[in-house]
Amino acid sequence: MLKELSKIFSLLLAIIFSTTGYLASLTITALVASEVMPSQLFVGVPNAITVGGALIGAKMIGYLSSKISMLTSLIGAYLVGGVGGFLLFQSILYDSSILILLGALILGVGQAATLQTRYFASFIVHKKYKNMALSTAVWFSAFGSVFGPTAVGLFSPFFLDIYNSDLIVGYILAFTGMISAGTVLFIFTDRKSGLREKNKIKTKNEKLIRVSGEINLSMILVINHAIMVLIMSATPLHLRDIGESIGAVGNIISVHTLGMFFFAPIIGKIVDVIGVQKTALIGSLLVLLSCILTLFYTSIFFLGLGLFFLGLGWNFTFISISSAISFFSTKYSSDLNIRSDMYVFAGSAFTHLILGFSYFNLGYRTIASLGILITLWLVFKTQRLDQSIEAS
C-alpha cells in the first residue's frame, strides 16, 4: 500500500497547494465582486467565469495528457492558473471588473487540474488500490481547503495595513498556491512515474454516458455539485449582511470544506464495502439534512453545522460516483472522466450566474428551500441508480 501511495506523492502535494489557493479565492470572490462589479446582481459572475475557465482547462488537460503526458498537462494547467491568481490580485489594486473576470477565467484552468488529479491518481496505481488512491487524493484536499479560508481570516489584518484591503490575501494565496502546485509536480514526480505517460484514450464510447440505464453518472455529479455551490457561495454574502466579520466567513467555509474532504479515505472504504449506489444515497440524504439545517438555523453554530453536512454529503456522492467513472474510464480507455467534469463545470457555471439574482431577489432561506426540493429529486434518482454499476 505504501508503495502505491508513493506513486501519487507529488500529486498529493500539488493538491494541498492548489486547493489552498482556490478555496482562499472562492472565499472572497463574491465579496470582491460586490465591490468592483457594476451591479450586485453580478456577484456570482466571476465564479461562473472561473468554472468556464475550468471547462477550457479540462479540455486542455484531456488533449495534452493524450498527446504528451498526464504530468505535462497538469503542470501546464497549474501554471496558467497562477497567472489567473496574479490578475485577480491586480483587480483589487485597480478596482477593475475586467481584471477580476479575466483572472477568474484563467484561474479556472488551474482548478480543472486540481479536480482531474483524483482521476490521474487512480489511473497510475494498481487496480486493487484505485478507490484508495482516488479517495486519498480527495482527502488531501482537506488540508488546503481548510487552510485556505482560515488563512484569509488570519492574515487579512496584516494585508489590510499593506494594501488597504482585507480581501486581497485570498488572491495572493491563489497565485502562490497554483504556482507551487505546478512546481512540486515538476520537482517531486519520479522519473519512472506513470504520470509521465500518455493518458491512453481509444474511444469516446457514448454507452458509458448511460451506464446505469436512465440515470447518468455525470448528471448526479452535476446536481450534487450545483446544490453545494449555490448554498456555499451564498453563505459569505449572507454572513456579511447579518454583520459577521471576514474571519467568521473564513471559519464557516473552513468547517464546510472540512466536511467536503477530511473523511474521504473512510468514504473510499465505504464504497468498497457497500457499493456506489448506497454510498451516493447516504450523500444525498446528508445534503438534504444540511439544507434543512440551513433553512431553520437559529445561530451561527447551526449554520456552520449545516454547511459541514453540506460538504460531507457532497463528499459521499462525489467519491462514490467518481470511483464508478474512474472504473469505466480505465476499463474502456474512455475520456468519461474529462467529459463528466466538463458537465459539472457547466452546471456550476450556471449556478454561479444565477447566484446574484437568487440571493438578492429571493434571499438566503429561499435558496435553502430550493435546495431541499432539488435534493429530494436527487435522493429519488440516486435510490434508483441501476445495480449494473455494482455488478461491473
Protein backbone atom coordinates (compact mmCIF):
# COMPACT_ATOMS: atom_id res chain seq x y z
CA MET A 1 0.00 0.00 0.00
CA LEU A 2 2.80 2.42 0.89
CA LYS A 3 4.44 1.63 -2.45
CA GLU A 4 1.22 2.59 -4.24
CA LEU A 5 0.89 5.80 -2.21
CA SER A 6 4.46 6.76 -3.13
CA LYS A 7 3.39 6.76 -6.79
CA ILE A 8 0.99 9.63 -6.12
CA PHE A 9 3.14 11.59 -3.63
CA SER A 10 3.74 14.56 -5.93
CA LEU A 11 0.03 14.68 -6.82
CA LEU A 12 -0.90 14.87 -3.15
CA LEU A 13 1.50 17.77 -2.56
CA ALA A 14 0.10 19.60 -5.57
CA ILE A 15 -3.45 19.15 -4.29
CA ILE A 16 -2.60 20.76 -0.95
CA PHE A 17 -1.18 23.88 -2.61
CA SER A 18 -3.81 24.24 -5.33
CA THR A 19 -6.80 23.77 -3.01
CA THR A 20 -5.32 26.27 -0.57
CA GLY A 21 -5.18 28.84 -3.34
CA TYR A 22 -8.50 28.07 -4.96
CA LEU A 23 -10.54 27.91 -1.75
CA ALA A 24 -8.95 31.13 -0.48
CA SER A 25 -10.03 32.77 -3.72
CA LEU A 26 -13.51 31.27 -3.59
CA THR A 27 -13.99 32.53 -0.02
CA ILE A 28 -13.62 36.17 -1.00
CA THR A 29 -14.56 36.43 -4.70
CA ALA A 30 -18.28 37.08 -4.21
CA LEU A 31 -17.37 39.80 -1.71
CA VAL A 32 -14.81 41.36 -4.05
CA ALA A 33 -17.30 41.19 -6.91
CA SER A 34 -19.86 43.08 -4.83
CA GLU A 35 -17.33 45.93 -4.69
CA VAL A 36 -15.91 46.00 -8.24
CA MET A 37 -18.76 44.72 -10.43
CA PRO A 38 -21.23 47.31 -11.79
CA SER A 39 -24.23 45.67 -10.06
CA GLN A 40 -24.87 43.46 -7.03
CA LEU A 41 -26.72 41.09 -9.36
CA PHE A 42 -23.36 40.21 -10.95
CA VAL A 43 -21.64 38.97 -7.77
CA GLY A 44 -21.75 35.37 -8.98
CA VAL A 45 -20.35 36.12 -12.44
CA PRO A 46 -16.61 35.91 -11.58
CA ASN A 47 -17.03 32.46 -10.00
CA ALA A 48 -19.11 31.41 -13.02
CA ILE A 49 -16.29 32.63 -15.25
CA THR A 50 -13.85 30.56 -13.17
CA VAL A 51 -15.93 27.49 -13.92
CA GLY A 52 -15.90 28.45 -17.59
CA GLY A 53 -12.12 28.52 -17.36
CA ALA A 54 -12.24 25.06 -15.78
CA LEU A 55 -14.20 23.85 -18.81
CA ILE A 56 -11.41 25.11 -21.04
CA GLY A 57 -8.83 23.64 -18.67
CA ALA A 58 -10.46 20.20 -18.69
CA LYS A 59 -10.36 20.16 -22.49
CA MET A 60 -6.73 21.32 -22.46
CA ILE A 61 -5.74 18.66 -19.93
CA GLY A 62 -7.52 15.97 -21.92
CA TYR A 63 -5.68 16.97 -25.10
CA LEU A 64 -2.20 17.40 -23.58
CA SER A 65 -2.47 14.25 -21.46
CA SER A 66 -3.28 12.14 -24.52
CA LYS A 67 -0.69 13.80 -26.79
CA ILE A 68 2.27 14.46 -24.43
CA SER A 69 1.79 13.19 -20.86
CA MET A 70 -0.51 13.47 -17.87
CA LEU A 71 2.26 15.25 -15.96
CA THR A 72 2.76 17.93 -18.61
CA SER A 73 -0.97 18.62 -18.77
CA LEU A 74 -1.23 19.15 -15.01
CA ILE A 75 1.90 21.32 -14.67
CA GLY A 76 0.81 23.49 -17.58
CA ALA A 77 -2.70 23.94 -16.17
CA TYR A 78 -1.44 24.86 -12.70
CA LEU A 79 0.99 27.47 -14.04
CA VAL A 80 -1.74 29.02 -16.17
CA GLY A 81 -3.94 29.10 -13.07
CA GLY A 82 -1.18 31.01 -11.25
CA VAL A 83 -1.40 33.75 -13.88
CA GLY A 84 -5.10 33.99 -13.10
CA GLY A 85 -4.35 34.44 -9.41
CA PHE A 86 -1.99 37.30 -10.23
CA LEU A 87 -4.63 39.06 -12.34
CA LEU A 88 -7.20 38.67 -9.56
CA PHE A 89 -4.72 40.30 -7.17
CA GLN A 90 -4.41 43.20 -9.60
CA SER A 91 -8.21 43.51 -9.87
CA ILE A 92 -8.39 44.67 -6.25
CA LEU A 93 -5.48 47.09 -6.62
CA TYR A 94 -7.07 48.72 -9.66
CA ASP A 95 -10.73 48.19 -8.67
CA SER A 96 -11.24 46.54 -12.07
CA SER A 97 -14.19 44.40 -13.11
CA ILE A 98 -12.34 43.45 -16.32
CA LEU A 99 -9.34 42.10 -14.41
CA ILE A 100 -11.47 40.11 -11.97
CA LEU A 101 -13.31 38.46 -14.87
CA LEU A 102 -10.13 37.73 -16.83
CA GLY A 103 -8.30 36.49 -13.74
CA ALA A 104 -11.24 34.30 -12.74
CA LEU A 105 -11.34 32.73 -16.19
CA ILE A 106 -7.65 31.85 -16.15
CA LEU A 107 -7.68 30.64 -12.52
CA GLY A 108 -10.30 28.11 -13.58
CA VAL A 109 -7.73 26.30 -15.73
CA GLY A 110 -5.75 25.53 -12.56
CA GLN A 111 -8.89 24.33 -10.78
CA ALA A 112 -9.51 21.87 -13.62
CA ALA A 113 -6.08 20.36 -12.88
CA THR A 114 -6.98 20.01 -9.19
CA LEU A 115 -10.14 18.06 -9.99
CA GLN A 116 -8.52 15.86 -12.65
CA THR A 117 -5.76 14.91 -10.18
CA ARG A 118 -8.10 12.47 -8.42
CA TYR A 119 -8.59 10.52 -11.64
CA PHE A 120 -4.91 10.55 -12.60
CA ALA A 121 -4.05 9.25 -9.12
CA SER A 122 -6.39 6.30 -9.67
CA PHE A 123 -5.01 5.68 -13.18
CA ILE A 124 -1.37 5.15 -12.14
CA VAL A 125 -1.82 2.71 -9.22
CA HIS A 126 -2.64 -1.00 -9.22
CA LYS A 127 -6.34 -1.65 -9.84
CA LYS A 128 -6.70 -3.03 -6.31
CA TYR A 129 -5.89 0.43 -4.91
CA LYS A 130 -7.84 2.67 -7.30
CA ASN A 131 -10.54 3.70 -4.80
CA MET A 132 -7.86 4.21 -2.16
CA ALA A 133 -5.85 6.48 -4.46
CA LEU A 134 -8.90 8.48 -5.54
CA SER A 135 -10.21 8.97 -2.00
CA THR A 136 -6.74 9.81 -0.68
CA ALA A 137 -6.37 12.49 -3.35
CA VAL A 138 -9.70 13.98 -2.31
CA TRP A 139 -8.69 13.69 1.37
CA PHE A 140 -5.51 15.71 0.82
CA SER A 141 -7.72 18.49 -0.48
CA ALA A 142 -8.84 18.86 3.14
CA PHE A 143 -5.51 20.36 4.17
CA GLY A 144 -5.64 23.13 1.60
CA SER A 145 -9.38 23.63 1.73
CA VAL A 146 -9.32 24.25 5.47
CA PHE A 147 -6.09 26.27 5.49
CA GLY A 148 -7.11 28.49 2.55
CA PRO A 149 -10.29 30.02 4.03
CA THR A 150 -8.78 30.07 7.53
CA ALA A 151 -5.68 31.90 6.26
CA VAL A 152 -7.92 34.56 4.73
CA GLY A 153 -9.27 35.36 8.18
CA LEU A 154 -5.90 35.08 9.94
CA PHE A 155 -3.83 37.21 7.58
CA SER A 156 -6.42 39.72 6.38
CA PRO A 157 -5.48 42.32 9.07
CA PHE A 158 -1.82 42.15 8.01
CA PHE A 159 -2.56 42.75 4.34
CA LEU A 160 -5.17 45.36 5.21
CA ASP A 161 -2.34 47.52 6.54
CA ILE A 162 -0.27 47.00 3.37
CA TYR A 163 -2.87 47.12 0.58
CA ASN A 164 -5.85 48.75 2.33
CA SER A 165 -7.89 45.61 1.63
CA ASP A 166 -8.75 42.73 3.97
CA LEU A 167 -9.73 40.58 0.97
CA ILE A 168 -6.58 40.72 -1.14
CA VAL A 169 -4.90 37.91 0.83
CA GLY A 170 -7.26 35.45 -0.90
CA TYR A 171 -5.78 36.24 -4.29
CA ILE A 172 -2.20 36.24 -3.01
CA LEU A 173 -2.84 32.69 -1.84
CA ALA A 174 -4.44 31.81 -5.19
CA PHE A 175 -1.32 32.91 -7.07
CA THR A 176 1.21 31.23 -4.79
CA GLY A 177 -0.89 28.08 -4.41
CA MET A 178 -1.21 27.38 -8.14
CA ILE A 179 2.43 28.16 -8.92
CA SER A 180 3.56 25.97 -6.02
CA ALA A 181 1.37 23.09 -7.22
CA GLY A 182 3.00 23.09 -10.64
CA THR A 183 6.45 23.42 -9.10
CA VAL A 184 6.14 20.44 -6.73
CA LEU A 185 4.86 18.26 -9.57
CA PHE A 186 7.91 19.18 -11.64
CA ILE A 187 10.37 18.58 -8.77
CA PHE A 188 8.94 15.56 -6.97
CA THR A 189 7.44 13.36 -9.71
CA ASP A 190 9.58 10.22 -10.09
CA ARG A 191 11.30 9.66 -13.42
CA LYS A 192 9.53 6.31 -13.78
CA SER A 193 6.12 7.62 -12.71
CA GLY A 194 3.09 6.63 -14.73
CA LEU A 195 2.26 10.34 -14.83
CA ARG A 196 4.98 10.74 -17.45
CA GLU A 197 2.99 8.50 -19.79
CA LYS A 198 0.17 9.48 -22.09
CA ASN A 199 -3.41 9.00 -20.97
CA LYS A 200 -4.48 6.35 -23.46
CA ILE A 201 -7.92 7.19 -24.82
CA LYS A 202 -9.07 4.80 -27.53
CA THR A 203 -12.70 5.72 -27.93
CA LYS A 204 -15.48 8.03 -26.85
CA ASN A 205 -17.90 5.23 -26.06
CA GLU A 206 -21.24 7.01 -25.71
CA LYS A 207 -22.72 3.95 -23.98
CA LEU A 208 -20.61 4.85 -20.98
CA ILE A 209 -22.56 8.05 -20.50
CA ARG A 210 -25.64 5.96 -19.67
CA VAL A 211 -24.07 3.04 -17.79
CA SER A 212 -26.96 2.97 -15.31
CA GLY A 213 -29.94 2.95 -17.67
CA GLU A 214 -31.84 6.22 -17.39
CA ILE A 215 -29.51 7.58 -14.72
CA ASN A 216 -26.44 9.42 -15.90
CA LEU A 217 -23.46 9.29 -13.53
CA SER A 218 -22.38 12.70 -14.72
CA MET A 219 -25.83 14.14 -14.04
CA ILE A 220 -25.69 13.01 -10.42
CA LEU A 221 -22.31 14.73 -10.07
CA VAL A 222 -23.71 17.88 -11.68
CA ILE A 223 -26.77 18.18 -9.40
CA ASN A 224 -24.81 17.24 -6.27
CA HIS A 225 -22.19 19.86 -7.06
CA ALA A 226 -24.67 22.56 -8.07
CA ILE A 227 -26.60 22.38 -4.78
CA MET A 228 -23.38 22.59 -2.80
CA VAL A 229 -22.04 25.51 -4.85
CA LEU A 230 -25.22 27.58 -4.63
CA ILE A 231 -25.56 27.36 -0.84
CA MET A 232 -21.83 27.65 -0.17
CA SER A 233 -21.43 30.70 -2.42
CA ALA A 234 -24.45 32.47 -0.94
CA THR A 235 -23.24 31.95 2.63
CA PRO A 236 -20.45 34.61 2.64
CA LEU A 237 -22.93 37.17 1.32
CA HIS A 238 -25.46 36.21 3.97
CA LEU A 239 -22.88 36.37 6.77
CA ARG A 240 -21.82 39.82 5.64
CA ASP A 241 -25.41 41.03 5.55
CA ILE A 242 -26.06 39.89 9.12
CA GLY A 243 -22.93 41.72 10.32
CA GLU A 244 -20.40 38.89 10.67
CA SER A 245 -16.67 39.52 10.09
CA ILE A 246 -14.45 38.16 7.31
CA GLY A 247 -12.94 35.92 9.99
CA ALA A 248 -16.36 34.34 10.62
CA VAL A 249 -16.78 33.82 6.89
CA GLY A 250 -13.43 32.04 6.73
CA ASN A 251 -14.29 29.85 9.73
CA ILE A 252 -17.67 28.78 8.34
CA ILE A 253 -16.19 27.96 4.92
CA SER A 254 -13.35 26.04 6.62
CA VAL A 255 -15.88 23.90 8.50
CA HIS A 256 -17.73 23.33 5.25
CA THR A 257 -14.61 22.29 3.34
CA LEU A 258 -13.55 20.06 6.24
CA GLY A 259 -16.74 18.12 5.61
CA MET A 260 -16.03 18.13 1.88
CA PHE A 261 -12.64 16.46 2.10
CA PHE A 262 -11.49 15.27 5.53
CA PHE A 263 -13.37 11.97 5.63
CA ALA A 264 -12.52 10.96 2.06
CA PRO A 265 -10.38 7.86 2.92
CA ILE A 266 -13.17 6.49 5.13
CA ILE A 267 -15.73 7.12 2.39
CA GLY A 268 -13.48 5.33 -0.11
CA LYS A 269 -13.57 2.27 2.16
CA ILE A 270 -17.35 2.59 2.49
CA VAL A 271 -17.67 2.48 -1.31
CA ASP A 272 -15.65 -0.76 -1.32
CA VAL A 273 -17.93 -2.30 1.33
CA ILE A 274 -21.47 -1.17 0.44
CA GLY A 275 -21.05 -0.06 -3.18
CA VAL A 276 -21.59 3.06 -5.27
CA GLN A 277 -25.38 3.33 -5.07
CA LYS A 278 -25.77 3.10 -1.30
CA THR A 279 -22.85 5.45 -0.67
CA ALA A 280 -24.26 8.04 -3.07
CA LEU A 281 -27.68 7.71 -1.41
CA ILE A 282 -26.15 8.44 2.00
CA GLY A 283 -24.57 11.53 0.47
CA SER A 284 -27.88 12.77 -0.93
CA LEU A 285 -29.60 12.31 2.43
CA LEU A 286 -26.84 14.25 4.21
CA VAL A 287 -27.17 17.11 1.71
CA LEU A 288 -30.92 17.11 2.38
CA LEU A 289 -30.24 17.35 6.12
CA SER A 290 -27.85 20.26 5.53
CA CYS A 291 -30.46 22.18 3.53
CA ILE A 292 -32.98 21.72 6.36
CA LEU A 293 -30.47 22.95 8.97
CA THR A 294 -29.55 25.92 6.78
CA LEU A 295 -33.20 26.86 6.31
CA PHE A 296 -34.11 26.71 10.00
CA TYR A 297 -30.82 27.69 11.67
CA THR A 298 -31.14 29.81 14.83
CA SER A 299 -27.45 30.55 15.46
CA ILE A 300 -24.10 30.68 13.67
CA PHE A 301 -23.30 27.28 15.22
CA PHE A 302 -26.23 25.59 13.47
CA LEU A 303 -25.43 27.40 10.23
CA GLY A 304 -21.88 26.05 10.46
CA LEU A 305 -23.26 22.58 11.20
CA GLY A 306 -25.48 22.81 8.15
CA LEU A 307 -22.53 23.81 5.97
CA PHE A 308 -20.49 20.92 7.44
CA PHE A 309 -23.16 18.37 6.48
CA LEU A 310 -23.43 20.02 3.06
CA GLY A 311 -19.74 19.32 2.49
CA LEU A 312 -19.89 15.82 3.96
CA GLY A 313 -22.90 14.81 1.87
CA TRP A 314 -21.26 16.22 -1.24
CA ASN A 315 -18.18 14.13 -0.41
CA PHE A 316 -20.11 10.84 -0.14
CA THR A 317 -21.72 11.35 -3.54
CA PHE A 318 -18.62 12.83 -5.16
CA ILE A 319 -16.30 9.96 -4.23
CA SER A 320 -18.76 7.15 -4.95
CA ILE A 321 -19.76 8.43 -8.38
CA SER A 322 -16.16 9.41 -9.23
CA SER A 323 -15.00 5.88 -8.41
CA ALA A 324 -17.54 4.48 -10.88
CA ILE A 325 -16.45 6.98 -13.54
CA SER A 326 -12.79 6.12 -12.93
CA PHE A 327 -13.60 2.42 -13.36
CA PHE A 328 -15.37 2.88 -16.67
CA SER A 329 -12.77 5.36 -17.95
CA THR A 330 -9.98 2.85 -17.30
CA LYS A 331 -11.85 -0.25 -18.46
CA TYR A 332 -12.88 1.23 -21.79
CA SER A 333 -9.99 3.70 -22.32
CA SER A 334 -12.61 6.44 -22.40
CA ASP A 335 -12.41 10.16 -21.67
CA LEU A 336 -15.51 9.90 -19.47
CA ASN A 337 -13.52 11.43 -16.59
CA ILE A 338 -12.84 14.55 -18.67
CA ARG A 339 -16.36 14.83 -20.02
CA SER A 340 -18.06 14.29 -16.65
CA ASP A 341 -16.03 17.10 -15.11
CA MET A 342 -16.91 19.33 -18.05
CA TYR A 343 -20.61 18.71 -17.37
CA VAL A 344 -20.02 19.52 -13.69
CA PHE A 345 -18.26 22.75 -14.65
CA ALA A 346 -21.13 23.74 -16.95
CA GLY A 347 -23.68 23.16 -14.19
CA SER A 348 -21.54 25.00 -11.68
CA ALA A 349 -21.13 27.97 -14.04
CA PHE A 350 -24.90 28.25 -14.40
CA THR A 351 -25.28 28.10 -10.61
CA HIS A 352 -22.81 30.93 -10.10
CA LEU A 353 -24.51 33.00 -12.80
CA ILE A 354 -27.85 32.85 -11.02
CA LEU A 355 -26.31 33.47 -7.58
CA GLY A 356 -26.76 37.24 -7.65
CA PHE A 357 -30.36 37.08 -8.81
CA SER A 358 -31.19 34.23 -6.42
CA TYR A 359 -29.67 35.83 -3.34
CA PHE A 360 -30.70 39.47 -3.79
CA ASN A 361 -34.20 38.71 -5.08
CA LEU A 362 -35.15 35.52 -3.25
CA GLY A 363 -33.00 35.53 -0.14
CA TYR A 364 -30.79 33.01 1.64
CA ARG A 365 -33.55 30.93 3.22
CA THR A 366 -35.41 30.65 -0.08
CA ILE A 367 -32.22 29.30 -1.65
CA ALA A 368 -32.10 26.69 1.13
CA SER A 369 -35.74 25.81 0.41
CA LEU A 370 -34.93 25.30 -3.26
CA GLY A 371 -32.01 23.15 -2.15
CA ILE A 372 -34.43 20.89 -0.25
CA LEU A 373 -36.64 20.41 -3.30
CA ILE A 374 -33.75 19.68 -5.65
CA THR A 375 -32.13 17.31 -3.15
CA LEU A 376 -35.37 15.35 -2.77
CA TRP A 377 -35.22 14.76 -6.53
CA LEU A 378 -31.55 13.73 -6.18
CA VAL A 379 -32.41 11.27 -3.39
CA PHE A 380 -35.11 9.71 -5.58
CA LYS A 381 -32.82 9.37 -8.58
CA THR A 382 -29.88 8.07 -6.56
CA GLN A 383 -32.11 5.48 -4.90
CA ARG A 384 -32.95 4.16 -8.37
CA LEU A 385 -29.34 4.05 -9.52
CA ASP A 386 -29.03 0.93 -11.63
CA GLN A 387 -27.36 -2.02 -9.92
CA SER A 388 -25.37 -2.74 -13.11
CA ILE A 389 -22.76 -0.36 -11.68
CA GLU A 390 -22.30 -2.66 -8.70
CA ALA A 391 -22.09 -5.69 -10.96
CA SER A 392 -19.37 -4.02 -13.01
